[in-house]
Every structure is written in C-alpha cells, then in structure tokens.
Amino acid sequence: MTKSPILRLTDFFEDNRPLVLYTGLIGLPGSGAAIEHALNVAKTLEAGGFRVILLPWTNDARPEDHLRNGLFLFQGIHYIPVGNPATNGASRLQSLRVFTGTRAPILDFLKTADLTAVAAIITMEGSAGYSWKLRSLCKSRRIGVIAEVTEHYATNMPGQSFSQIQRVDMAARIQMVYPKYDGIIAITTYLEGYYARKGCKVFRLPPVLDTQESRWKFPAIRAIAPPGSLRLVFLGAPVRDRHELILEAILQMRKDGFDITLGYVGSSRQLMESLLGERRRLLLELGDAVVFHGRVKECHLKEILMAADFGVLLREDARWSRCCFPSRVPEFLALGVPILCNETSDLAEHLRDGSEALIVPDLSVDSVKATLARGASLTETQRARMRSNARLLAESSFDIRPYIRPLESFIQQTAEKARQNK
C-alpha cells in the first residue's frame, strides 16, 4: 500500500514535531505578495517548533525546487502543489462545483492523506463551500482549522470587479463560515475586532519577514540625494493607490524647480495609462521623471529600492483599506527606506511622522505637495537618520522573532481545543 504524502513527509523529517499545513490561493515562490506572506508565516511557525508544509493551489511547481523524495523546497520551507480548482468559466456546472466546494483538489488531497501528525490547517481564501467542507473534515479528524484573513472585500474596492454570486459567496465565507472555525489569524486590528466581536479566537499577525536574511541586509553606507531632490519608488500592483495625486504633485513641484523622480517597480506604463484614464497626460508631461522598471530580479529590486529616499503609498481610507496591510511596508522598512504615505490600515500604529515616515494629512494635491516639499528640504543627516529609524522599526515591529512564541501558543491552544472536541 502506497503511503500518503503527509505520512511520507513525517517519516522524511525524522522528528516528532507536529505538522501545520498552510493552503490557499498563495501561488508559487516569486509570484507575488501572497506566497511571500505564506513563506514568512511558515518560517515563524518553524521557529516555534512546528513543521510546515505549504499546499498552494497550483498545478505545477518550480523545477529548481524539486527534491528527490518528490517534495519541493524553497528557502527552507517544503511545499506541494495540490491542483488549481479554477475553471475558464465556460462551464456553469464546473463553476458551481467550485463555489460549493465539490471541485476542490486540496480537499481530495487531504481526504486521502494520513493527517495523524497534523496539528492545524491554515487556509487563505477559497469559496464558502470549500471553507465549510474543510471545517467539517478537520472537525472529523480533530484537527484545528484556522482562517488567515487579509482582506474584507467590498464592491468599491479599486481594481476589483465581482459578480453577484462572488459577492454572495465571499460574504458567506467571511461572515458565516469563518466564525465557525477554531481560530482566525487577522492581518489588521480592524479584522481582529470584527472577528473578536463574533466570539472568535483571534491572533493578529501583520506582514512579517526575517530581517536577518541576507536579502534584507541593511548597508552601513549608501548614497543620499542632496537637499532639493527626492527619489521616490512605488512597489507592487498600482490599482489601489491614488497615483493621479502623487503624479500631479510631482509635476507641480518640478515646475517649481524641485528635482523629484518616481520609479515604478512591478507595473508597466501601459497599465498606469489605463488606470489614469484622461489624466494619462501626466506621464507625458513628466517625461523621464517617471521610470517604469516592470518586473525585475530580486538583486536588481534591492538596488532600486535602496536608491530611493522614500517608498510611496497613498490610499483611500475605506473599509477595504482598513482591513488589508500592505506587505511592501515592512519590505521598504527592512531596507531602510522611509515611507511617504497617508494613514490607512494600521500604519498609524507603527509609523511616526518625521521618524520613519512622512505622513500626508489628506488626499489632495496640495497635501501631497506639502509633504514632498518637506521631504525635499531634509538634510543629508536627517535623511540618514530616517533610514536608520526605518530599519529599526522593521526589526521591532515586523521581524518574525517577536511573533514566534505568541503564534506558537495560539496554534497549540487551537489544536488542543480541536483534539478535545468530540
């Protein structure tokens, strides 16, 4: 009889540490913020005495991560692609099966696996039907089931368009199914409070990273732009930020004689033109003051970010923005890049104006201009101090180490409660 993947992995590890499975729409290494977050959560759990296996909903894996035993390994974390439930939308029946959880390769994988060593399963995203069936499976096996919640979808969320069935499904998952889970990992205080009011056991975990990894090594000396100039950088998907405000403010500042530039990493000029609509003229008027780097390799990404005076983040204050926590914030800070932003999400809890950040008072061109002027007037000494403060904040608030023991305790308590349920 062929051993199941989970049982074989337990034998492979050659230790008695309990397993935690982390699954969901997280993608593969290098594909975006979701997998980066999952990897960092896994590293936190591994440091807390668990073995973690990521189970991304993908059909393929990266060939370079393949191990001889059939597993895949990236940055010390094992993973197994379990299959993608998505359809091309051509069949309404297949789409309905996804929403009901009938079409869910992850559930097929778990049903045929030996889960006796699994203490808890953490899931991110998925349909309400899948989420309920996962709860039922975990309950029957006396395994703790935990939802990691990083979003609270809204119809006015920028860059998103949801059908009626999607809206109903997401509402059912977030408001009805997740409160029945053994635990919730919430990324912000807003989500923490939401589920706490529903009587859930909640652990708040912002985006974390290992600041001691070589990729986040902070250089002792680096070039600093002179007063009167400002090098800005935007990282990631641009659909949620108010780029028309920052671009208009930069244009007016440049007309006033300030040398301010902005680099976009991870997005294209074509996408930005589409987002700006009639205001795409801003890109033409700014000319080479705006540079689009597109997707770049990690080594080049680090060079671009560390050459900047500030990372930019400018969002509407709405329910969707209070729920999510931009993963680029700890990444900027770890590399010693202060942030120019307005206060949304939990940013005000961490960032101090004039220390690690320059806070834009409100979403207007005049406010952005005034904040840019403050940044451009900083002396080299002040800029160097803000860089150091940014790094210190990353180490104190977003490094995995302060969360190791609290998260370990949360998982242990959740797993113990699940084992005692009959």
Protein backbone atom coordinates (compact mmCIF):
# COMPACT_ATOMS: atom_id res chain seq x y z
CA MET A 1 0.00 0.00 0.00
CA THR A 2 1.43 3.37 -1.00
CA LYS A 3 1.92 5.79 1.85
CA SER A 4 0.17 9.12 1.65
CA PRO A 5 2.24 12.29 1.08
CA ILE A 6 1.74 13.52 4.64
CA LEU A 7 2.81 10.21 6.22
CA ARG A 8 5.84 10.01 3.94
CA LEU A 9 6.83 13.56 4.82
CA THR A 10 6.59 12.76 8.51
CA ASP A 11 8.98 9.89 8.01
CA PHE A 12 11.26 12.09 5.94
CA PHE A 13 11.54 14.75 8.66
CA GLU A 14 12.71 12.14 11.19
CA ASP A 15 11.41 14.09 14.16
CA ASN A 16 8.23 14.29 16.18
CA ARG A 17 7.39 17.92 15.60
CA PRO A 18 3.71 18.44 14.80
CA LEU A 19 2.77 19.47 11.28
CA VAL A 20 0.95 22.61 10.26
CA LEU A 21 -0.46 22.72 6.73
CA TYR A 22 -0.89 26.11 5.07
CA THR A 23 -3.04 26.18 1.97
CA GLY A 24 -4.94 28.53 -0.31
CA LEU A 25 -4.53 30.85 -3.27
CA ILE A 26 -0.93 31.67 -2.43
CA GLY A 27 0.84 30.90 -5.72
CA LEU A 28 4.42 29.72 -6.11
CA PRO A 29 7.67 31.36 -4.94
CA GLY A 30 8.31 34.55 -6.87
CA SER A 31 4.68 35.03 -7.90
CA GLY A 32 3.63 37.78 -5.51
CA ALA A 33 2.81 39.02 -2.03
CA ALA A 34 0.60 36.07 -1.02
CA ILE A 35 3.32 33.44 -1.29
CA GLU A 36 5.85 35.76 0.36
CA HIS A 37 3.49 36.18 3.28
CA ALA A 38 2.84 32.42 3.48
CA LEU A 39 6.57 31.68 3.48
CA ASN A 40 7.17 34.14 6.30
CA VAL A 41 4.31 32.71 8.35
CA ALA A 42 5.81 29.26 7.74
CA LYS A 43 9.24 30.44 8.91
CA THR A 44 7.66 31.87 12.06
CA LEU A 45 5.95 28.56 12.77
CA GLU A 46 9.07 26.53 12.03
CA ALA A 47 10.99 28.64 14.54
CA GLY A 48 8.21 27.90 17.03
CA GLY A 49 8.65 24.13 16.88
CA PHE A 50 6.35 23.08 14.05
CA ARG A 51 6.98 21.50 10.68
CA VAL A 52 5.16 23.40 7.95
CA ILE A 53 4.10 22.27 4.51
CA LEU A 54 2.64 24.79 2.09
CA LEU A 55 -0.08 23.42 -0.18
CA PRO A 56 -0.57 26.05 -2.91
CA TRP A 57 -3.49 25.68 -5.29
CA THR A 58 -1.38 25.31 -8.41
CA ASN A 59 -0.93 22.52 -10.90
CA ASP A 60 2.83 22.83 -11.28
CA ALA A 61 5.88 23.61 -9.16
CA ARG A 62 9.22 25.24 -9.85
CA PRO A 63 11.57 22.55 -11.25
CA GLU A 64 14.54 24.03 -9.38
CA ASP A 65 12.77 23.38 -6.05
CA HIS A 66 12.28 19.65 -6.67
CA LEU A 67 13.69 17.17 -4.13
CA ARG A 68 14.42 13.51 -4.73
CA ASN A 69 11.58 12.39 -2.49
CA GLY A 70 9.01 14.22 -4.63
CA LEU A 71 8.65 17.27 -2.39
CA PHE A 72 9.59 20.83 -3.24
CA LEU A 73 11.73 23.14 -1.10
CA PHE A 74 12.15 26.93 -1.17
CA GLN A 75 14.01 28.98 1.46
CA GLY A 76 13.88 26.01 3.82
CA ILE A 77 10.09 25.55 3.53
CA HIS A 78 8.57 22.44 1.95
CA TYR A 79 5.62 22.70 -0.39
CA ILE A 80 3.42 20.51 -2.60
CA PRO A 81 1.19 21.88 -5.39
CA VAL A 82 -2.22 20.28 -4.90
CA GLY A 83 -4.04 21.48 -8.02
CA ASN A 84 -5.97 24.51 -9.15
CA PRO A 85 -9.77 24.41 -8.73
CA ALA A 86 -10.35 27.35 -11.08
CA THR A 87 -12.24 26.94 -14.35
CA ASN A 88 -12.19 29.01 -17.51
CA GLY A 89 -15.80 29.96 -16.93
CA ALA A 90 -17.03 28.06 -19.98
CA SER A 91 -18.99 25.58 -17.89
CA ARG A 92 -21.51 26.91 -15.39
CA LEU A 93 -21.68 23.46 -13.81
CA GLN A 94 -17.94 23.41 -13.13
CA SER A 95 -18.05 26.96 -11.77
CA LEU A 96 -20.90 25.95 -9.46
CA ARG A 97 -18.83 22.98 -8.27
CA VAL A 98 -16.04 25.40 -7.30
CA PHE A 99 -18.41 27.58 -5.25
CA THR A 100 -19.93 24.57 -3.49
CA GLY A 101 -16.51 23.06 -2.76
CA THR A 102 -17.23 19.95 -4.83
CA ARG A 103 -14.38 20.87 -7.18
CA ALA A 104 -11.52 21.32 -4.68
CA PRO A 105 -8.28 19.39 -5.30
CA ILE A 106 -6.99 20.36 -1.86
CA LEU A 107 -9.90 18.52 -0.22
CA ASP A 108 -9.23 15.45 -2.36
CA PHE A 109 -5.60 15.59 -1.26
CA LEU A 110 -6.46 15.88 2.42
CA LYS A 111 -9.12 13.13 2.34
CA THR A 112 -6.61 10.60 1.01
CA ALA A 113 -3.74 11.66 3.28
CA ASP A 114 -2.74 10.42 6.71
CA LEU A 115 -3.27 13.51 8.87
CA THR A 116 -2.46 11.99 12.26
CA ALA A 117 0.62 14.22 12.68
CA VAL A 118 -1.20 17.41 11.66
CA ALA A 119 -1.96 19.80 14.50
CA ALA A 120 -3.65 22.51 12.46
CA ILE A 121 -4.53 23.57 8.94
CA ILE A 122 -4.37 27.24 8.00
CA THR A 123 -6.28 28.33 4.91
CA MET A 124 -6.37 31.57 2.95
CA GLU A 125 -9.16 32.45 0.51
CA GLY A 126 -11.35 29.91 -1.26
CA SER A 127 -15.12 29.58 -1.66
CA ALA A 128 -17.62 29.34 1.16
CA GLY A 129 -18.45 25.77 0.14
CA TYR A 130 -14.81 24.71 0.26
CA SER A 131 -14.28 26.54 3.56
CA TRP A 132 -17.21 24.76 5.18
CA LYS A 133 -16.13 21.35 3.91
CA LEU A 134 -12.60 21.96 5.18
CA ARG A 135 -14.06 22.74 8.59
CA SER A 136 -16.06 19.52 8.53
CA LEU A 137 -13.03 17.47 7.52
CA CYS A 138 -10.86 19.00 10.25
CA LYS A 139 -13.60 18.52 12.84
CA SER A 140 -13.90 14.82 11.94
CA ARG A 141 -10.12 14.39 12.28
CA ARG A 142 -9.88 16.59 15.39
CA ILE A 143 -7.50 19.00 13.67
CA GLY A 144 -7.53 22.72 14.35
CA VAL A 145 -8.78 24.72 11.39
CA ILE A 146 -7.68 28.35 11.13
CA ALA A 147 -8.55 31.00 8.56
CA GLU A 148 -5.96 33.65 7.77
CA VAL A 149 -7.88 36.76 6.79
CA THR A 150 -6.04 39.51 4.94
CA GLU A 151 -8.92 41.20 3.09
CA HIS A 152 -12.55 42.17 3.56
CA TYR A 153 -13.89 42.53 0.07
CA ALA A 154 -16.07 45.48 -0.87
CA THR A 155 -17.86 46.37 -4.08
CA ASN A 156 -15.94 49.67 -4.22
CA MET A 157 -12.51 48.06 -3.88
CA PRO A 158 -10.27 49.56 -6.60
CA GLY A 159 -9.19 47.18 -9.35
CA GLN A 160 -11.76 44.52 -8.42
CA SER A 161 -14.97 43.50 -10.13
CA PHE A 162 -17.19 40.86 -8.55
CA SER A 163 -20.24 39.07 -9.92
CA GLN A 164 -23.32 38.71 -7.77
CA ILE A 165 -22.55 35.09 -6.94
CA GLN A 166 -18.99 36.02 -6.00
CA ARG A 167 -20.22 38.72 -3.64
CA VAL A 168 -22.68 36.35 -2.00
CA ASP A 169 -20.03 33.65 -1.73
CA MET A 170 -17.41 35.95 -0.17
CA ALA A 171 -19.93 37.36 2.29
CA ALA A 172 -20.96 33.84 3.33
CA ARG A 173 -17.34 32.77 3.84
CA ILE A 174 -16.27 35.86 5.78
CA GLN A 175 -19.42 36.44 7.83
CA MET A 176 -20.85 32.93 8.35
CA VAL A 177 -18.24 30.21 7.81
CA TYR A 178 -15.05 31.67 9.28
CA PRO A 179 -16.72 32.49 12.64
CA LYS A 180 -17.27 28.70 12.99
CA TYR A 181 -13.55 28.00 12.66
CA ASP A 182 -11.32 27.16 15.62
CA GLY A 183 -9.26 30.29 15.12
CA ILE A 184 -8.64 33.35 12.99
CA ILE A 185 -5.32 34.94 12.05
CA ALA A 186 -6.14 38.57 11.24
CA ILE A 187 -3.73 40.90 9.50
CA THR A 188 -5.13 44.16 10.98
CA THR A 189 -6.83 45.48 14.10
CA TYR A 190 -9.99 46.08 12.07
CA LEU A 191 -10.29 42.39 11.19
CA GLU A 192 -9.18 41.39 14.68
CA GLY A 193 -12.02 43.43 16.18
CA TYR A 194 -14.53 42.17 13.61
CA TYR A 195 -13.95 38.51 14.47
CA ALA A 196 -13.46 39.13 18.19
CA ARG A 197 -16.96 40.64 18.28
CA LYS A 198 -18.24 37.41 16.76
CA GLY A 199 -16.69 35.45 19.61
CA CYS A 200 -13.77 34.04 17.62
CA LYS A 201 -10.33 33.23 18.98
CA VAL A 202 -8.18 35.72 17.05
CA PHE A 203 -4.44 36.24 16.63
CA ARG A 204 -3.30 39.44 14.94
CA LEU A 205 -0.30 38.95 12.66
CA PRO A 206 0.83 41.81 10.39
CA PRO A 207 3.07 41.13 7.39
CA VAL A 208 6.33 39.82 8.83
CA LEU A 209 9.75 38.93 7.45
CA ASP A 210 13.11 37.73 8.68
CA THR A 211 15.20 40.89 8.84
CA GLN A 212 18.33 38.80 9.41
CA GLU A 213 18.11 37.14 6.00
CA SER A 214 20.75 38.28 3.53
CA ARG A 215 18.10 39.65 1.19
CA TRP A 216 17.20 42.25 3.82
CA LYS A 217 20.74 43.12 4.79
CA PHE A 218 20.98 46.82 5.58
CA PRO A 219 24.08 48.54 4.15
CA ALA A 220 26.10 50.71 6.51
CA ILE A 221 26.82 53.34 3.87
CA ARG A 222 24.91 54.34 0.75
CA ALA A 223 24.42 57.41 -1.40
CA ILE A 224 21.95 60.02 -0.21
CA ALA A 225 20.35 62.51 -2.59
CA PRO A 226 21.12 66.18 -1.80
CA PRO A 227 18.51 68.61 -0.42
CA GLY A 228 16.13 69.89 -3.07
CA SER A 229 15.88 66.49 -4.74
CA LEU A 230 13.80 63.45 -3.96
CA ARG A 231 13.90 59.90 -5.32
CA LEU A 232 10.59 58.09 -4.86
CA VAL A 233 9.69 54.47 -5.60
CA PHE A 234 6.40 52.59 -5.86
CA LEU A 235 6.42 48.82 -5.46
CA GLY A 236 3.76 46.31 -6.47
CA ALA A 237 0.32 46.40 -8.06
CA PRO A 238 -0.81 50.03 -8.55
CA VAL A 239 -4.56 49.52 -8.77
CA ARG A 240 -5.37 50.54 -5.18
CA ASP A 241 -3.33 53.74 -4.86
CA ARG A 242 -4.09 57.33 -5.84
CA HIS A 243 -1.40 57.81 -8.48
CA GLU A 244 -3.05 60.81 -10.08
CA LEU A 245 -2.45 62.78 -6.88
CA ILE A 246 1.20 61.89 -6.48
CA LEU A 247 1.96 62.42 -10.18
CA GLU A 248 0.19 65.79 -10.28
CA ALA A 249 2.02 66.88 -7.12
CA ILE A 250 5.39 65.82 -8.57
CA LEU A 251 4.64 67.70 -11.80
CA GLN A 252 3.86 70.92 -9.93
CA MET A 253 6.91 70.51 -7.69
CA ARG A 254 9.17 70.06 -10.71
CA LYS A 255 7.74 73.22 -12.24
CA ASP A 256 8.75 74.96 -9.02
CA GLY A 257 12.33 73.79 -9.52
CA PHE A 258 12.46 70.64 -7.36
CA ASP A 259 14.26 67.59 -8.76
CA ILE A 260 11.77 64.84 -7.93
CA THR A 261 11.53 61.49 -9.72
CA LEU A 262 9.38 58.40 -9.28
CA GLY A 263 10.17 54.81 -10.21
CA TYR A 264 7.53 52.11 -10.61
CA VAL A 265 8.57 48.52 -9.89
CA GLY A 266 6.29 45.65 -10.87
CA SER A 267 3.96 47.61 -13.15
CA SER A 268 4.03 48.83 -16.72
CA ARG A 269 3.45 52.17 -18.37
CA GLN A 270 0.50 50.70 -20.27
CA LEU A 271 -1.22 49.66 -17.05
CA MET A 272 -0.62 53.06 -15.48
CA GLU A 273 -2.04 54.84 -18.53
CA SER A 274 -5.13 52.67 -18.26
CA LEU A 275 -5.56 53.46 -14.57
CA LEU A 276 -5.07 57.19 -15.07
CA GLY A 277 -7.56 57.43 -17.93
CA GLU A 278 -7.90 61.06 -19.02
CA ARG A 279 -5.07 62.01 -16.68
CA ARG A 280 -2.53 59.93 -18.57
CA ARG A 281 -1.23 63.26 -19.85
CA LEU A 282 0.66 63.46 -16.54
CA LEU A 283 3.04 60.77 -17.74
CA LEU A 284 3.74 62.67 -20.96
CA GLU A 285 4.38 65.93 -19.13
CA LEU A 286 6.64 64.27 -16.56
CA GLY A 287 8.69 62.54 -19.24
CA ASP A 288 11.78 60.78 -17.90
CA ALA A 289 10.97 61.89 -14.34
CA VAL A 290 8.85 58.71 -14.19
CA VAL A 291 10.56 55.39 -14.87
CA PHE A 292 8.83 52.02 -15.27
CA HIS A 293 11.09 49.14 -14.28
CA GLY A 294 8.49 46.41 -14.72
CA ARG A 295 9.16 43.07 -13.01
CA VAL A 296 12.80 42.75 -12.01
CA LYS A 297 15.01 40.12 -10.41
CA GLU A 298 15.41 40.28 -6.66
CA CYS A 299 19.00 41.52 -6.77
CA HIS A 300 18.03 44.40 -9.06
CA LEU A 301 14.92 45.11 -7.00
CA LYS A 302 17.04 45.63 -3.90
CA GLU A 303 19.26 48.10 -5.76
CA ILE A 304 16.26 50.12 -6.97
CA LEU A 305 14.60 50.27 -3.57
CA MET A 306 17.71 51.24 -1.64
CA ALA A 307 18.45 54.05 -4.10
CA ALA A 308 15.14 55.69 -3.15
CA ASP A 309 14.61 58.31 -0.47
CA PHE A 310 11.01 57.22 0.15
CA GLY A 311 8.62 54.47 -0.78
CA VAL A 312 5.18 55.76 -1.78
CA LEU A 313 1.80 54.54 -0.52
CA LEU A 314 -1.37 56.61 -1.00
CA ARG A 315 -4.79 55.01 -0.47
CA GLU A 316 -8.37 55.91 0.27
CA ASP A 317 -9.47 55.45 3.86
CA ALA A 318 -12.22 52.87 3.43
CA ARG A 319 -13.24 49.54 4.91
CA TRP A 320 -11.19 47.58 2.38
CA SER A 321 -8.04 49.60 3.14
CA ARG A 322 -8.54 49.32 6.91
CA CYS A 323 -8.67 45.54 6.54
CA CYS A 324 -5.54 44.96 4.49
CA PHE A 325 -1.94 45.75 5.46
CA PRO A 326 0.39 46.46 2.52
CA SER A 327 3.23 43.92 2.56
CA ARG A 328 5.53 46.44 0.91
CA VAL A 329 5.65 48.46 4.14
CA PRO A 330 7.90 46.06 6.10
CA GLU A 331 9.91 45.43 2.92
CA PHE A 332 10.64 49.13 2.50
CA LEU A 333 11.48 49.50 6.17
CA ALA A 334 13.76 46.45 6.27
CA LEU A 335 15.89 48.01 3.52
CA GLY A 336 16.00 51.31 5.35
CA VAL A 337 13.56 53.10 3.05
CA PRO A 338 11.22 55.50 4.88
CA ILE A 339 7.66 55.77 3.63
CA LEU A 340 5.68 58.70 2.26
CA CYS A 341 2.05 57.82 2.87
CA ASN A 342 -1.30 58.72 4.35
CA GLU A 343 -2.70 56.93 7.37
CA THR A 344 -4.76 53.87 6.46
CA SER A 345 -4.88 50.32 7.81
CA ASP A 346 -2.70 50.05 10.96
CA LEU A 347 0.03 52.34 9.64
CA ALA A 348 -0.57 54.97 12.34
CA GLU A 349 0.17 52.32 14.97
CA HIS A 350 3.71 51.88 13.63
CA LEU A 351 4.83 54.88 11.58
CA ARG A 352 5.76 58.22 13.15
CA ASP A 353 5.78 61.34 11.07
CA GLY A 354 9.32 62.65 10.70
CA SER A 355 10.85 59.48 12.09
CA GLU A 356 10.24 56.53 9.74
CA ALA A 357 7.72 58.26 7.50
CA LEU A 358 6.33 61.48 6.15
CA ILE A 359 2.57 61.44 6.62
CA VAL A 360 0.31 63.08 4.03
CA PRO A 361 -2.52 64.77 6.03
CA ASP A 362 -5.24 64.25 3.43
CA LEU A 363 -5.75 63.04 -0.11
CA SER A 364 -5.30 66.26 -2.04
CA VAL A 365 -2.66 67.51 -4.43
CA ASP A 366 -1.81 70.37 -2.05
CA SER A 367 -1.22 67.98 0.85
CA VAL A 368 0.96 65.72 -1.26
CA LYS A 369 2.93 68.74 -2.50
CA ALA A 370 3.49 70.00 1.04
CA THR A 371 4.72 66.57 2.12
CA LEU A 372 7.04 66.31 -0.88
CA ALA A 373 8.42 69.75 -0.03
CA ARG A 374 9.14 68.57 3.50
CA GLY A 375 10.98 65.56 2.13
CA ALA A 376 12.99 67.59 -0.38
CA SER A 377 14.11 70.00 2.34
CA LEU A 378 15.58 67.31 4.56
CA THR A 379 19.32 67.48 5.13
CA GLU A 380 21.60 64.52 4.47
CA THR A 381 21.85 63.93 8.21
CA GLN A 382 18.07 63.91 8.61
CA ARG A 383 17.65 61.51 5.69
CA ALA A 384 20.28 59.16 7.10
CA ARG A 385 18.53 59.21 10.48
CA MET A 386 15.18 58.35 8.89
CA ARG A 387 16.76 55.43 7.08
CA SER A 388 18.15 54.09 10.34
CA ASN A 389 14.79 54.58 12.06
CA ALA A 390 13.05 52.70 9.26
CA ARG A 391 15.33 49.71 9.70
CA LEU A 392 14.91 49.75 13.48
CA LEU A 393 11.13 49.76 13.08
CA ALA A 394 11.30 46.76 10.74
CA GLU A 395 13.30 44.87 13.36
CA SER A 396 11.00 45.76 16.25
CA SER A 397 7.54 45.57 14.63
CA PHE A 398 7.77 43.35 11.57
CA ASP A 399 10.50 40.81 12.21
CA ILE A 400 9.29 37.24 12.74
CA ARG A 401 11.04 36.85 16.11
CA PRO A 402 8.61 38.76 18.38
CA TYR A 403 5.76 36.65 16.97
CA ILE A 404 7.31 33.19 17.27
CA ARG A 405 6.17 32.30 20.80
CA PRO A 406 2.76 34.03 20.68
CA LEU A 407 1.90 32.34 17.37
CA GLU A 408 3.18 29.01 18.66
CA SER A 409 0.93 29.31 21.70
CA PHE A 410 -2.06 30.26 19.54
CA ILE A 411 -1.61 27.21 17.29
CA GLN A 412 -1.07 24.89 20.25
CA GLN A 413 -4.20 26.12 22.03
CA THR A 414 -6.25 25.87 18.85
CA ALA A 415 -5.01 22.34 18.15
CA GLU A 416 -5.60 21.23 21.75
CA LYS A 417 -9.16 22.52 21.71
CA ALA A 418 -9.83 20.70 18.43
CA ARG A 419 -8.45 17.43 19.87
CA GLN A 420 -10.77 17.67 22.85
CA ASN A 421 -13.89 18.16 20.75
CA LYS A 422 -15.98 15.05 20.37
